Full PDB file with SEQRES, HELIX, SHEET, SSBOND, CRYST1, ORIGX, SCALE, CONECT and MASTER records, all heavy atoms in Angstrom:
SEQRES   1 A   38  ALA ARG ALA MET ARG GLY GLU ILE ASP PHE GLU ASP SER          
SEQRES   2 A   38  LEU ARG ILE ARG VAL ALA THR LEU ALA GLY LEU PRO ASP          
SEQRES   3 A   38  GLU VAL PHE ARG THR VAL GLY ALA GLN ILE ARG LEU              
HELIX    1 AA1 PHE A   10  ALA A   19  1                                  10    
HELIX    2 AA2 VAL A   28  GLN A   35  1                                   8    
CRYST1    1.000    1.000    1.000  90.00  90.00  90.00 P 1           1          
ORIGX1      1.000000  0.000000  0.000000        0.00000                         
ORIGX2      0.000000  1.000000  0.000000        0.00000                         
ORIGX3      0.000000  0.000000  1.000000        0.00000                         
SCALE1      1.000000  0.000000  0.000000        0.00000                         
SCALE2      0.000000  1.000000  0.000000        0.00000                         
SCALE3      0.000000  0.000000  1.000000        0.00000                         
ATOM      1  N   ALA A   1       8.077  21.124   3.819  1.00  0.00           N  
ATOM      2  CA  ALA A   1       7.906  22.383   4.548  1.00  0.00           C  
ATOM      3  C   ALA A   1       7.027  22.143   5.784  1.00  0.00           C  
ATOM      4  O   ALA A   1       7.315  22.670   6.851  1.00  0.00           O  
ATOM      5  CB  ALA A   1       7.245  23.399   3.623  1.00  0.00           C  
ATOM      6  N   ARG A   2       6.002  21.343   5.643  1.00  0.00           N  
ATOM      7  CA  ARG A   2       5.157  21.060   6.839  1.00  0.00           C  
ATOM      8  C   ARG A   2       5.931  20.278   7.912  1.00  0.00           C  
ATOM      9  O   ARG A   2       5.777  20.535   9.124  1.00  0.00           O  
ATOM     10  CB  ARG A   2       3.930  20.259   6.390  1.00  0.00           C  
ATOM     11  CG  ARG A   2       2.977  21.003   5.494  1.00  0.00           C  
ATOM     12  CD  ARG A   2       1.810  20.143   5.081  1.00  0.00           C  
ATOM     13  NE  ARG A   2       1.070  19.636   6.249  1.00  0.00           N  
ATOM     14  CZ  ARG A   2       0.260  18.559   6.221  1.00  0.00           C  
ATOM     15  NH1 ARG A   2       0.095  17.887   5.109  1.00  0.00           N  
ATOM     16  NH2 ARG A   2      -0.350  18.188   7.313  1.00  0.00           N  
ATOM     17  N   ALA A   3       6.780  19.380   7.476  1.00  0.00           N  
ATOM     18  CA  ALA A   3       7.582  18.596   8.448  1.00  0.00           C  
ATOM     19  C   ALA A   3       8.583  19.469   9.166  1.00  0.00           C  
ATOM     20  O   ALA A   3       8.776  19.386  10.363  1.00  0.00           O  
ATOM     21  CB  ALA A   3       8.295  17.442   7.757  1.00  0.00           C  
ATOM     22  N   MET A   4       9.240  20.352   8.420  1.00  0.00           N  
ATOM     23  CA  MET A   4      10.251  21.253   9.032  1.00  0.00           C  
ATOM     24  C   MET A   4       9.609  22.240  10.043  1.00  0.00           C  
ATOM     25  O   MET A   4      10.268  22.678  10.975  1.00  0.00           O  
ATOM     26  CB  MET A   4      11.054  21.981   7.944  1.00  0.00           C  
ATOM     27  CG  MET A   4      11.849  21.062   7.053  1.00  0.00           C  
ATOM     28  SD  MET A   4      13.036  20.025   7.926  1.00  0.00           S  
ATOM     29  CE  MET A   4      14.292  21.254   8.332  1.00  0.00           C  
ATOM     30  N   ARG A   5       8.362  22.572   9.796  1.00  0.00           N  
ATOM     31  CA  ARG A   5       7.647  23.452  10.724  1.00  0.00           C  
ATOM     32  C   ARG A   5       7.061  22.692  11.904  1.00  0.00           C  
ATOM     33  O   ARG A   5       6.482  23.298  12.818  1.00  0.00           O  
ATOM     34  CB  ARG A   5       6.532  24.221  10.026  1.00  0.00           C  
ATOM     35  CG  ARG A   5       7.012  25.208   8.954  1.00  0.00           C  
ATOM     36  CD  ARG A   5       5.887  26.101   8.537  1.00  0.00           C  
ATOM     37  NE  ARG A   5       4.779  25.378   7.919  1.00  0.00           N  
ATOM     38  CZ  ARG A   5       4.664  25.190   6.596  1.00  0.00           C  
ATOM     39  NH1 ARG A   5       5.554  25.664   5.781  1.00  0.00           N  
ATOM     40  NH2 ARG A   5       3.597  24.534   6.112  1.00  0.00           N  
ATOM     41  N   GLY A   6       7.243  21.385  11.937  1.00  0.00           N  
ATOM     42  CA  GLY A   6       6.729  20.561  12.992  1.00  0.00           C  
ATOM     43  C   GLY A   6       5.244  20.292  12.921  1.00  0.00           C  
ATOM     44  O   GLY A   6       4.635  19.903  13.915  1.00  0.00           O  
ATOM     45  N   GLU A   7       4.676  20.504  11.731  1.00  0.00           N  
ATOM     46  CA  GLU A   7       3.215  20.301  11.602  1.00  0.00           C  
ATOM     47  C   GLU A   7       2.829  18.881  11.277  1.00  0.00           C  
ATOM     48  O   GLU A   7       1.609  18.543  11.364  1.00  0.00           O  
ATOM     49  CB  GLU A   7       2.708  21.263  10.479  1.00  0.00           C  
ATOM     50  CG  GLU A   7       2.910  22.748  10.796  1.00  0.00           C  
ATOM     51  CD  GLU A   7       2.577  23.619   9.600  1.00  0.00           C  
ATOM     52  OE1 GLU A   7       2.125  23.066   8.565  1.00  0.00           O  
ATOM     53  OE2 GLU A   7       2.667  24.816   9.720  1.00  0.00           O  
ATOM     54  N   ILE A   8       3.769  18.072  10.933  1.00  0.00           N  
ATOM     55  CA  ILE A   8       3.484  16.693  10.594  1.00  0.00           C  
ATOM     56  C   ILE A   8       4.620  15.840  11.086  1.00  0.00           C  
ATOM     57  O   ILE A   8       5.796  16.261  11.081  1.00  0.00           O  
ATOM     58  CB  ILE A   8       3.293  16.523   9.017  1.00  0.00           C  
ATOM     59  CG1 ILE A   8       2.939  15.070   8.712  1.00  0.00           C  
ATOM     60  CG2 ILE A   8       4.537  16.994   8.251  1.00  0.00           C  
ATOM     61  CD1 ILE A   8       2.573  14.901   7.224  1.00  0.00           C  
ATOM     62  N   ASP A   9       4.337  14.644  11.574  1.00  0.00           N  
ATOM     63  CA  ASP A   9       5.359  13.739  12.102  1.00  0.00           C  
ATOM     64  C   ASP A   9       6.420  13.495  11.004  1.00  0.00           C  
ATOM     65  O   ASP A   9       6.063  13.212   9.836  1.00  0.00           O  
ATOM     66  CB  ASP A   9       4.676  12.421  12.511  1.00  0.00           C  
ATOM     67  CG  ASP A   9       5.706  11.425  12.975  1.00  0.00           C  
ATOM     68  OD1 ASP A   9       6.169  11.530  14.118  1.00  0.00           O  
ATOM     69  OD2 ASP A   9       6.058  10.536  12.146  1.00  0.00           O  
ATOM     70  N   PHE A  10       7.708  13.546  11.407  1.00  0.00           N  
ATOM     71  CA  PHE A  10       8.772  13.451  10.427  1.00  0.00           C  
ATOM     72  C   PHE A  10       8.735  12.079   9.740  1.00  0.00           C  
ATOM     73  O   PHE A  10       8.886  12.016   8.504  1.00  0.00           O  
ATOM     74  CB  PHE A  10      10.105  13.642  11.113  1.00  0.00           C  
ATOM     75  CG  PHE A  10      11.269  13.452  10.181  1.00  0.00           C  
ATOM     76  CD1 PHE A  10      11.647  14.442   9.278  1.00  0.00           C  
ATOM     77  CD2 PHE A  10      12.019  12.261  10.148  1.00  0.00           C  
ATOM     78  CE1 PHE A  10      12.681  14.286   8.396  1.00  0.00           C  
ATOM     79  CE2 PHE A  10      13.082  12.106   9.288  1.00  0.00           C  
ATOM     80  CZ  PHE A  10      13.435  13.125   8.406  1.00  0.00           C  
ATOM     81  N   GLU A  11       8.589  10.994  10.495  1.00  0.00           N  
ATOM     82  CA  GLU A  11       8.606   9.689   9.817  1.00  0.00           C  
ATOM     83  C   GLU A  11       7.464   9.528   8.813  1.00  0.00           C  
ATOM     84  O   GLU A  11       7.661   9.018   7.731  1.00  0.00           O  
ATOM     85  CB  GLU A  11       8.501   8.569  10.896  1.00  0.00           C  
ATOM     86  CG  GLU A  11       8.497   7.187  10.269  1.00  0.00           C  
ATOM     87  CD  GLU A  11       8.601   6.075  11.314  1.00  0.00           C  
ATOM     88  OE1 GLU A  11       8.855   6.381  12.490  1.00  0.00           O  
ATOM     89  OE2 GLU A  11       8.446   4.888  10.946  1.00  0.00           O  
ATOM     90  N   ASP A  12       6.279   9.969   9.193  1.00  0.00           N  
ATOM     91  CA  ASP A  12       5.144   9.865   8.247  1.00  0.00           C  
ATOM     92  C   ASP A  12       5.435  10.685   7.008  1.00  0.00           C  
ATOM     93  O   ASP A  12       5.196  10.235   5.862  1.00  0.00           O  
ATOM     94  CB  ASP A  12       3.854  10.384   8.904  1.00  0.00           C  
ATOM     95  CG  ASP A  12       3.334   9.448   9.995  1.00  0.00           C  
ATOM     96  OD1 ASP A  12       3.767   8.299  10.042  1.00  0.00           O  
ATOM     97  OD2 ASP A  12       2.522   9.919  10.821  1.00  0.00           O  
ATOM     98  N   SER A  13       5.924  11.898   7.197  1.00  0.00           N  
ATOM     99  CA  SER A  13       6.218  12.748   6.043  1.00  0.00           C  
ATOM    100  C   SER A  13       7.299  12.142   5.147  1.00  0.00           C  
ATOM    101  O   SER A  13       7.241  12.215   3.942  1.00  0.00           O  
ATOM    102  CB  SER A  13       6.656  14.128   6.508  1.00  0.00           C  
ATOM    103  OG  SER A  13       7.955  14.109   7.056  1.00  0.00           O  
ATOM    104  N   LEU A  14       8.323  11.524   5.801  1.00  0.00           N  
ATOM    105  CA  LEU A  14       9.398  10.944   4.985  1.00  0.00           C  
ATOM    106  C   LEU A  14       8.890   9.774   4.149  1.00  0.00           C  
ATOM    107  O   LEU A  14       9.221   9.676   2.972  1.00  0.00           O  
ATOM    108  CB  LEU A  14      10.503  10.480   5.905  1.00  0.00           C  
ATOM    109  CG  LEU A  14      11.754   9.896   5.207  1.00  0.00           C  
ATOM    110  CD1 LEU A  14      12.394  10.964   4.308  1.00  0.00           C  
ATOM    111  CD2 LEU A  14      12.749   9.377   6.226  1.00  0.00           C  
ATOM    112  N   ARG A  15       8.086   8.913   4.713  1.00  0.00           N  
ATOM    113  CA  ARG A  15       7.572   7.783   3.987  1.00  0.00           C  
ATOM    114  C   ARG A  15       6.709   8.208   2.837  1.00  0.00           C  
ATOM    115  O   ARG A  15       6.720   7.631   1.744  1.00  0.00           O  
ATOM    116  CB  ARG A  15       6.856   6.787   4.912  1.00  0.00           C  
ATOM    117  CG  ARG A  15       7.782   6.166   5.921  1.00  0.00           C  
ATOM    118  CD  ARG A  15       7.087   5.024   6.698  1.00  0.00           C  
ATOM    119  NE  ARG A  15       7.932   4.517   7.763  1.00  0.00           N  
ATOM    120  CZ  ARG A  15       8.935   3.626   7.568  1.00  0.00           C  
ATOM    121  NH1 ARG A  15       9.177   3.186   6.324  1.00  0.00           N  
ATOM    122  NH2 ARG A  15       9.663   3.181   8.562  1.00  0.00           N  
ATOM    123  N   ILE A  16       5.908   9.253   3.057  1.00  0.00           N  
ATOM    124  CA  ILE A  16       5.100   9.805   1.964  1.00  0.00           C  
ATOM    125  C   ILE A  16       5.946  10.270   0.828  1.00  0.00           C  
ATOM    126  O   ILE A  16       5.663  10.008  -0.350  1.00  0.00           O  
ATOM    127  CB  ILE A  16       4.195  10.950   2.503  1.00  0.00           C  
ATOM    128  CG1 ILE A  16       3.125  10.458   3.495  1.00  0.00           C  
ATOM    129  CG2 ILE A  16       3.492  11.678   1.321  1.00  0.00           C  
ATOM    130  CD1 ILE A  16       2.395  11.501   4.217  1.00  0.00           C  
ATOM    131  N   ARG A  17       6.977  11.006   1.153  1.00  0.00           N  
ATOM    132  CA  ARG A  17       7.837  11.556   0.130  1.00  0.00           C  
ATOM    133  C   ARG A  17       8.653  10.478  -0.610  1.00  0.00           C  
ATOM    134  O   ARG A  17       8.817  10.537  -1.843  1.00  0.00           O  
ATOM    135  CB  ARG A  17       8.790  12.621   0.731  1.00  0.00           C  
ATOM    136  CG  ARG A  17       8.050  13.867   1.194  1.00  0.00           C  
ATOM    137  CD  ARG A  17       8.981  14.823   1.916  1.00  0.00           C  
ATOM    138  NE  ARG A  17       9.330  14.317   3.275  1.00  0.00           N  
ATOM    139  CZ  ARG A  17      10.218  14.922   4.049  1.00  0.00           C  
ATOM    140  NH1 ARG A  17      10.840  16.025   3.644  1.00  0.00           N  
ATOM    141  NH2 ARG A  17      10.456  14.409   5.251  1.00  0.00           N  
ATOM    142  N   VAL A  18       9.166   9.541   0.193  1.00  0.00           N  
ATOM    143  CA  VAL A  18       9.960   8.463  -0.445  1.00  0.00           C  
ATOM    144  C   VAL A  18       9.133   7.646  -1.403  1.00  0.00           C  
ATOM    145  O   VAL A  18       9.656   7.176  -2.463  1.00  0.00           O  
ATOM    146  CB  VAL A  18      10.596   7.576   0.639  1.00  0.00           C  
ATOM    147  CG1 VAL A  18      11.153   6.296   0.055  1.00  0.00           C  
ATOM    148  CG2 VAL A  18      11.684   8.346   1.389  1.00  0.00           C  
ATOM    149  N   ALA A  19       7.853   7.417  -1.107  1.00  0.00           N  
ATOM    150  CA  ALA A  19       6.996   6.641  -1.965  1.00  0.00           C  
ATOM    151  C   ALA A  19       6.891   7.274  -3.372  1.00  0.00           C  
ATOM    152  O   ALA A  19       6.700   6.488  -4.374  1.00  0.00           O  
ATOM    153  CB  ALA A  19       5.613   6.553  -1.366  1.00  0.00           C  
ATOM    154  N   THR A  20       7.090   8.561  -3.474  1.00  0.00           N  
ATOM    155  CA  THR A  20       6.982   9.179  -4.840  1.00  0.00           C  
ATOM    156  C   THR A  20       8.240   8.933  -5.682  1.00  0.00           C  
ATOM    157  O   THR A  20       8.216   9.260  -6.879  1.00  0.00           O  
ATOM    158  CB  THR A  20       6.828  10.699  -4.673  1.00  0.00           C  
ATOM    159  OG1 THR A  20       8.024  11.307  -4.227  1.00  0.00           O  
ATOM    160  CG2 THR A  20       5.646  11.054  -3.743  1.00  0.00           C  
ATOM    161  N   LEU A  21       9.259   8.303  -5.073  1.00  0.00           N  
ATOM    162  CA  LEU A  21      10.484   8.067  -5.805  1.00  0.00           C  
ATOM    163  C   LEU A  21      10.523   6.684  -6.477  1.00  0.00           C  
ATOM    164  O   LEU A  21      11.499   6.363  -7.180  1.00  0.00           O  
ATOM    165  CB  LEU A  21      11.726   8.192  -4.888  1.00  0.00           C  
ATOM    166  CG  LEU A  21      11.810   9.498  -4.066  1.00  0.00           C  
ATOM    167  CD1 LEU A  21      13.069   9.449  -3.202  1.00  0.00           C  
ATOM    168  CD2 LEU A  21      11.815  10.709  -4.977  1.00  0.00           C  
ATOM    169  N   ALA A  22       9.500   5.899  -6.240  1.00  0.00           N  
ATOM    170  CA  ALA A  22       9.495   4.528  -6.813  1.00  0.00           C  
ATOM    171  C   ALA A  22       9.715   4.549  -8.332  1.00  0.00           C  
ATOM    172  O   ALA A  22       9.087   5.348  -9.051  1.00  0.00           O  
ATOM    173  CB  ALA A  22       8.168   3.883  -6.442  1.00  0.00           C  
ATOM    174  N   GLY A  23      10.604   3.692  -8.807  1.00  0.00           N  
ATOM    175  CA  GLY A  23      10.827   3.553 -10.235  1.00  0.00           C  
ATOM    176  C   GLY A  23      12.064   4.306 -10.721  1.00  0.00           C  
ATOM    177  O   GLY A  23      12.503   4.082 -11.856  1.00  0.00           O  
ATOM    178  N   LEU A  24      12.634   5.181  -9.895  1.00  0.00           N  
ATOM    179  CA  LEU A  24      13.850   5.915 -10.329  1.00  0.00           C  
ATOM    180  C   LEU A  24      15.011   4.927 -10.405  1.00  0.00           C  
ATOM    181  O   LEU A  24      15.239   4.049  -9.550  1.00  0.00           O  
ATOM    182  CB  LEU A  24      14.180   6.997  -9.352  1.00  0.00           C  
ATOM    183  CG  LEU A  24      13.423   8.301  -9.420  1.00  0.00           C  
ATOM    184  CD1 LEU A  24      13.824   9.220  -8.277  1.00  0.00           C  
ATOM    185  CD2 LEU A  24      13.629   9.018 -10.771  1.00  0.00           C  
ATOM    186  N   PRO A  25      15.896   5.044 -11.415  1.00  0.00           N  
ATOM    187  CA  PRO A  25      17.101   4.196 -11.476  1.00  0.00           C  
ATOM    188  C   PRO A  25      18.100   4.694 -10.456  1.00  0.00           C  
ATOM    189  O   PRO A  25      18.160   5.887 -10.148  1.00  0.00           O  
ATOM    190  CB  PRO A  25      17.587   4.412 -12.935  1.00  0.00           C  
ATOM    191  CG  PRO A  25      17.111   5.774 -13.322  1.00  0.00           C  
ATOM    192  CD  PRO A  25      15.773   5.928 -12.608  1.00  0.00           C  
ATOM    193  N   ASP A  26      18.975   3.793  -9.960  1.00  0.00           N  
ATOM    194  CA  ASP A  26      19.929   4.213  -8.931  1.00  0.00           C  
ATOM    195  C   ASP A  26      21.013   5.185  -9.447  1.00  0.00           C  
ATOM    196  O   ASP A  26      21.715   5.773  -8.660  1.00  0.00           O  
ATOM    197  CB  ASP A  26      20.535   3.020  -8.239  1.00  0.00           C  
ATOM    198  CG  ASP A  26      21.308   2.106  -9.182  1.00  0.00           C  
ATOM    199  OD1 ASP A  26      21.425   2.434 -10.388  1.00  0.00           O  
ATOM    200  OD2 ASP A  26      21.807   1.065  -8.706  1.00  0.00           O  
ATOM    201  N   GLU A  27      21.092   5.345 -10.764  1.00  0.00           N  
ATOM    202  CA  GLU A  27      21.993   6.376 -11.303  1.00  0.00           C  
ATOM    203  C   GLU A  27      21.623   7.761 -10.832  1.00  0.00           C  
ATOM    204  O   GLU A  27      22.438   8.710 -10.900  1.00  0.00           O  
ATOM    205  CB  GLU A  27      22.072   6.330 -12.832  1.00  0.00           C  
ATOM    206  CG  GLU A  27      22.710   5.134 -13.423  1.00  0.00           C  
ATOM    207  CD  GLU A  27      21.719   3.928 -13.637  1.00  0.00           C  
ATOM    208  OE1 GLU A  27      20.586   4.044 -13.111  1.00  0.00           O  
ATOM    209  OE2 GLU A  27      22.169   2.968 -14.275  1.00  0.00           O  
ATOM    210  N   VAL A  28      20.402   7.880 -10.362  1.00  0.00           N  
ATOM    211  CA  VAL A  28      19.944   9.201  -9.908  1.00  0.00           C  
ATOM    212  C   VAL A  28      20.788   9.758  -8.758  1.00  0.00           C  
ATOM    213  O   VAL A  28      20.902  10.977  -8.557  1.00  0.00           O  
ATOM    214  CB  VAL A  28      18.437   9.110  -9.503  1.00  0.00           C  
ATOM    215  CG1 VAL A  28      18.248   8.416  -8.157  1.00  0.00           C  
ATOM    216  CG2 VAL A  28      17.818  10.493  -9.441  1.00  0.00           C  
ATOM    217  N   PHE A  29      21.364   8.891  -7.972  1.00  0.00           N  
ATOM    218  CA  PHE A  29      22.196   9.339  -6.834  1.00  0.00           C  
ATOM    219  C   PHE A  29      23.390  10.136  -7.314  1.00  0.00           C  
ATOM    220  O   PHE A  29      23.763  11.169  -6.730  1.00  0.00           O  
ATOM    221  CB  PHE A  29      22.638   8.143  -5.969  1.00  0.00           C  
ATOM    222  CG  PHE A  29      21.530   7.399  -5.347  1.00  0.00           C  
ATOM    223  CD1 PHE A  29      21.433   6.014  -5.427  1.00  0.00           C  
ATOM    224  CD2 PHE A  29      20.528   8.031  -4.665  1.00  0.00           C  
ATOM    225  CE1 PHE A  29      20.401   5.307  -4.859  1.00  0.00           C  
ATOM    226  CE2 PHE A  29      19.479   7.362  -4.080  1.00  0.00           C  
ATOM    227  CZ  PHE A  29      19.365   5.954  -4.220  1.00  0.00           C  
ATOM    228  N   ARG A  30      24.017   9.660  -8.399  1.00  0.00           N  
ATOM    229  CA  ARG A  30      25.152  10.397  -8.963  1.00  0.00           C  
ATOM    230  C   ARG A  30      24.687  11.727  -9.552  1.00  0.00           C  
ATOM    231  O   ARG A  30      25.349  12.762  -9.369  1.00  0.00           O  
ATOM    232  CB  ARG A  30      25.821   9.564  -9.985  1.00  0.00           C  
ATOM    233  CG  ARG A  30      27.115  10.167 -10.544  1.00  0.00           C  
ATOM    234  CD  ARG A  30      27.824   9.239 -11.512  1.00  0.00           C  
ATOM    235  NE  ARG A  30      28.125   7.990 -10.845  1.00  0.00           N  
ATOM    236  CZ  ARG A  30      28.205   6.779 -11.479  1.00  0.00           C  
ATOM    237  NH1 ARG A  30      27.939   6.707 -12.784  1.00  0.00           N  
ATOM    238  NH2 ARG A  30      28.519   5.704 -10.787  1.00  0.00           N  
ATOM    239  N   THR A  31      23.573  11.734 -10.206  1.00  0.00           N  
ATOM    240  CA  THR A  31      23.043  12.964 -10.766  1.00  0.00           C  
ATOM    241  C   THR A  31      22.767  14.011  -9.731  1.00  0.00           C  
ATOM    242  O   THR A  31      23.129  15.189  -9.830  1.00  0.00           O  
ATOM    243  CB  THR A  31      21.740  12.690 -11.562  1.00  0.00           C  
ATOM    244  OG1 THR A  31      22.008  11.717 -12.586  1.00  0.00           O  
ATOM    245  CG2 THR A  31      21.149  13.956 -12.150  1.00  0.00           C  
ATOM    246  N   VAL A  32      22.065  13.564  -8.654  1.00  0.00           N  
ATOM    247  CA  VAL A  32      21.731  14.484  -7.580  1.00  0.00           C  
ATOM    248  C   VAL A  32      22.969  14.947  -6.809  1.00  0.00           C  
ATOM    249  O   VAL A  32      23.093  16.089  -6.386  1.00  0.00           O  
ATOM    250  CB  VAL A  32      20.694  13.825  -6.618  1.00  0.00           C  
ATOM    251  CG1 VAL A  32      20.599  14.571  -5.273  1.00  0.00           C  
ATOM    252  CG2 VAL A  32      19.328  13.724  -7.268  1.00  0.00           C  
ATOM    253  N   GLY A  33      23.912  14.006  -6.624  1.00  0.00           N  
ATOM    254  CA  GLY A  33      25.151  14.379  -5.895  1.00  0.00           C  
ATOM    255  C   GLY A  33      25.890  15.514  -6.589  1.00  0.00           C  
ATOM    256  O   GLY A  33      26.485  16.383  -5.946  1.00  0.00           O  
ATOM    257  N   ALA A  34      25.829  15.540  -7.931  1.00  0.00           N  
ATOM    258  CA  ALA A  34      26.513  16.601  -8.653  1.00  0.00           C  
ATOM    259  C   ALA A  34      25.749  17.948  -8.581  1.00  0.00           C  
ATOM    260  O   ALA A  34      26.331  18.981  -8.860  1.00  0.00           O  
ATOM    261  CB  ALA A  34      26.632  16.182 -10.133  1.00  0.00           C  
ATOM    262  N   GLN A  35      24.490  17.889  -8.193  1.00  0.00           N  
ATOM    263  CA  GLN A  35      23.683  19.120  -8.069  1.00  0.00           C  
ATOM    264  C   GLN A  35      23.791  19.801  -6.688  1.00  0.00           C  
ATOM    265  O   GLN A  35      23.390  20.951  -6.558  1.00  0.00           O  
ATOM    266  CB  GLN A  35      22.216  18.810  -8.343  1.00  0.00           C  
ATOM    267  CG  GLN A  35      21.974  18.262  -9.772  1.00  0.00           C  
ATOM    268  CD  GLN A  35      20.505  17.834  -9.938  1.00  0.00           C  
ATOM    269  OE1 GLN A  35      19.781  17.646  -8.985  1.00  0.00           O  
ATOM    270  NE2 GLN A  35      20.123  17.621 -11.180  1.00  0.00           N  
ATOM    271  N   ILE A  36      24.298  19.095  -5.706  1.00  0.00           N  
ATOM    272  CA  ILE A  36      24.315  19.605  -4.347  1.00  0.00           C  
ATOM    273  C   ILE A  36      25.182  20.855  -4.230  1.00  0.00           C  
ATOM    274  O   ILE A  36      26.293  20.897  -4.817  1.00  0.00           O  
ATOM    275  CB  ILE A  36      24.852  18.522  -3.380  1.00  0.00           C  
ATOM    276  CG1 ILE A  36      23.740  17.461  -3.174  1.00  0.00           C  
ATOM    277  CG2 ILE A  36      25.259  19.099  -2.043  1.00  0.00           C  
ATOM    278  CD1 ILE A  36      24.147  16.281  -2.311  1.00  0.00           C  
ATOM    279  N   ARG A  37      24.700  21.829  -3.500  1.00  0.00           N  
ATOM    280  CA  ARG A  37      25.420  23.078  -3.286  1.00  0.00           C  
ATOM    281  C   ARG A  37      25.789  23.162  -1.804  1.00  0.00           C  
ATOM    282  O   ARG A  37      24.887  23.226  -0.951  1.00  0.00           O  
ATOM    283  CB  ARG A  37      24.615  24.286  -3.713  1.00  0.00           C  
ATOM    284  CG  ARG A  37      24.186  24.323  -5.134  1.00  0.00           C  
ATOM    285  CD  ARG A  37      23.090  25.332  -5.324  1.00  0.00           C  
ATOM    286  NE  ARG A  37      21.890  24.980  -4.560  1.00  0.00           N  
ATOM    287  CZ  ARG A  37      20.948  25.864  -4.224  1.00  0.00           C  
ATOM    288  NH1 ARG A  37      21.046  27.125  -4.628  1.00  0.00           N  
ATOM    289  NH2 ARG A  37      19.901  25.481  -3.529  1.00  0.00           N  
ATOM    290  N   LEU A  38      27.075  23.222  -1.504  1.00  0.00           N  
ATOM    291  CA  LEU A  38      27.463  23.373  -0.138  1.00  0.00           C  
ATOM    292  C   LEU A  38      27.058  24.758   0.386  1.00  0.00           C  
ATOM    293  O   LEU A  38      27.056  25.737  -0.394  1.00  0.00           O  
ATOM    294  CB  LEU A  38      28.989  23.228   0.000  1.00  0.00           C  
ATOM    295  CG  LEU A  38      29.571  21.821  -0.077  1.00  0.00           C  
ATOM    296  CD1 LEU A  38      31.078  21.910  -0.119  1.00  0.00           C  
ATOM    297  CD2 LEU A  38      29.122  20.953   1.103  1.00  0.00           C  
TER     298      LEU A  38                                                      
MASTER        0    0    0    2    0    0    0    6  297    1    0    3          
END                                                                             
């Protein structure tokens, strides 16, 4: 939310968020893909 409002640099915010995903199995991509709503 802070990044989309322009309150924090996008790259910094992205790296912070990606770091929280460490340890997830790559099967998660299929799981998340099935949850996407057009």
